[in-house]
Amino acid sequence: MCGLKIMSVDGIQFKTPETKDNQKFGYATNKTIFPSVLTVTLISTHTHIISDTIVKYLMHNS
């Protein structure tokens, strides 16, 4: 397509095991029992190769 790459963006929330080290990730809500990490990934639609990923902690702590 005119020399342009077609890319896709995908986001997902990972629940992590409830450990003292993982508590720094934060919790999605007050009712969530597992710490969570959010990721957004940029992927080539043609090759499915990941070009970039951003990982963020949730800021809401219980």
C-alpha atoms as a PDB file:
ATOM      1  CA  MET A   1       0.000   0.000   0.000  1.00  0.00           C
ATOM      2  CA  CYS A   2       2.054   2.923  -1.287  1.00  0.00           C
ATOM      3  CA  GLY A   3       5.097   1.800   0.733  1.00  0.00           C
ATOM      4  CA  LEU A   4       3.333   2.380   4.059  1.00  0.00           C
ATOM      5  CA  LYS A   5       3.253  -0.194   6.853  1.00  0.00           C
ATOM      6  CA  ILE A   6      -0.107  -1.229   8.253  1.00  0.00           C
ATOM      7  CA  MET A   7       0.117  -1.430  12.033  1.00  0.00           C
ATOM      8  CA  SER A   8      -2.267  -2.495  14.788  1.00  0.00           C
ATOM      9  CA  VAL A   9      -2.478  -1.342  18.389  1.00  0.00           C
ATOM     10  CA  ASP A  10      -3.542  -3.714  21.164  1.00  0.00           C
ATOM     11  CA  GLY A  11      -3.933  -3.145  24.877  1.00  0.00           C
ATOM     12  CA  ILE A  12      -4.256  -5.657  27.690  1.00  0.00           C
ATOM     13  CA  GLN A  13      -4.343  -5.705  31.478  1.00  0.00           C
ATOM     14  CA  PHE A  14      -2.308  -8.456  33.155  1.00  0.00           C
ATOM     15  CA  LYS A  15      -3.136  -9.618  36.659  1.00  0.00           C
ATOM     16  CA  THR A  16      -0.012 -10.495  38.629  1.00  0.00           C
ATOM     17  CA  PRO A  17       0.340 -12.849  41.605  1.00  0.00           C
ATOM     18  CA  GLU A  18      -0.359 -11.269  44.986  1.00  0.00           C
ATOM     19  CA  THR A  19       3.170 -10.869  46.345  1.00  0.00           C
ATOM     20  CA  LYS A  20       4.821  -8.102  48.302  1.00  0.00           C
ATOM     21  CA  ASP A  21       6.989  -7.164  45.270  1.00  0.00           C
ATOM     22  CA  ASN A  22       3.988  -7.029  42.894  1.00  0.00           C
ATOM     23  CA  GLN A  23       1.950  -4.741  45.174  1.00  0.00           C
ATOM     24  CA  LYS A  24       3.932  -1.783  43.736  1.00  0.00           C
ATOM     25  CA  PHE A  25       2.050  -2.325  40.439  1.00  0.00           C
ATOM     26  CA  GLY A  26      -1.185  -1.114  42.002  1.00  0.00           C
ATOM     27  CA  TYR A  27      -4.776  -2.357  41.740  1.00  0.00           C
ATOM     28  CA  ALA A  28      -7.468  -1.663  39.149  1.00  0.00           C
ATOM     29  CA  THR A  29     -10.096  -0.867  41.814  1.00  0.00           C
ATOM     30  CA  ASN A  30     -10.579  -1.189  45.571  1.00  0.00           C
ATOM     31  CA  LYS A  31     -12.355  -4.515  44.932  1.00  0.00           C
ATOM     32  CA  THR A  32      -9.526  -6.051  42.875  1.00  0.00           C
ATOM     33  CA  ILE A  33      -7.489  -8.616  44.804  1.00  0.00           C
ATOM     34  CA  PHE A  34      -4.573  -8.924  42.344  1.00  0.00           C
ATOM     35  CA  PRO A  35      -2.066  -6.211  41.359  1.00  0.00           C
ATOM     36  CA  SER A  36      -2.329  -5.312  37.650  1.00  0.00           C
ATOM     37  CA  VAL A  37      -0.069  -4.088  34.849  1.00  0.00           C
ATOM     38  CA  LEU A  38      -1.352  -2.373  31.681  1.00  0.00           C
ATOM     39  CA  THR A  39       0.394  -2.798  28.312  1.00  0.00           C
ATOM     40  CA  VAL A  40      -0.131  -1.224  24.892  1.00  0.00           C
ATOM     41  CA  THR A  41       1.597  -2.901  21.944  1.00  0.00           C
ATOM     42  CA  LEU A  42       2.244  -1.734  18.360  1.00  0.00           C
ATOM     43  CA  ILE A  43       2.203  -4.736  15.969  1.00  0.00           C
ATOM     44  CA  SER A  44       2.820  -5.152  12.236  1.00  0.00           C
ATOM     45  CA  THR A  45      -0.434  -6.401  10.707  1.00  0.00           C
ATOM     46  CA  HIS A  46       1.472  -8.222   7.930  1.00  0.00           C
ATOM     47  CA  THR A  47       4.237  -9.986   9.905  1.00  0.00           C
ATOM     48  CA  HIS A  48       2.760  -9.885  13.452  1.00  0.00           C
ATOM     49  CA  ILE A  49       6.121  -8.627  14.731  1.00  0.00           C
ATOM     50  CA  ILE A  50       5.902  -6.381  17.789  1.00  0.00           C
ATOM     51  CA  SER A  51       7.432  -2.977  17.048  1.00  0.00           C
ATOM     52  CA  ASP A  52       6.951  -1.295  20.423  1.00  0.00           C
ATOM     53  CA  THR A  53       5.396  -1.947  23.827  1.00  0.00           C
ATOM     54  CA  ILE A  54       4.560   0.377  26.707  1.00  0.00           C
ATOM     55  CA  VAL A  55       4.091  -1.114  30.192  1.00  0.00           C
ATOM     56  CA  LYS A  56       2.467   0.993  32.908  1.00  0.00           C
ATOM     57  CA  TYR A  57       1.630   0.361  36.520  1.00  0.00           C
ATOM     58  CA  LEU A  58      -1.876   1.170  37.704  1.00  0.00           C
ATOM     59  CA  MET A  59      -1.923   4.114  40.070  1.00  0.00           C
ATOM     60  CA  HIS A  60      -4.936   3.108  42.203  1.00  0.00           C
ATOM     61  CA  ASN A  61      -3.667   1.444  45.375  1.00  0.00           C
ATOM     62  CA  SER A  62      -5.953  -0.179  47.900  1.00  0.00           C
END
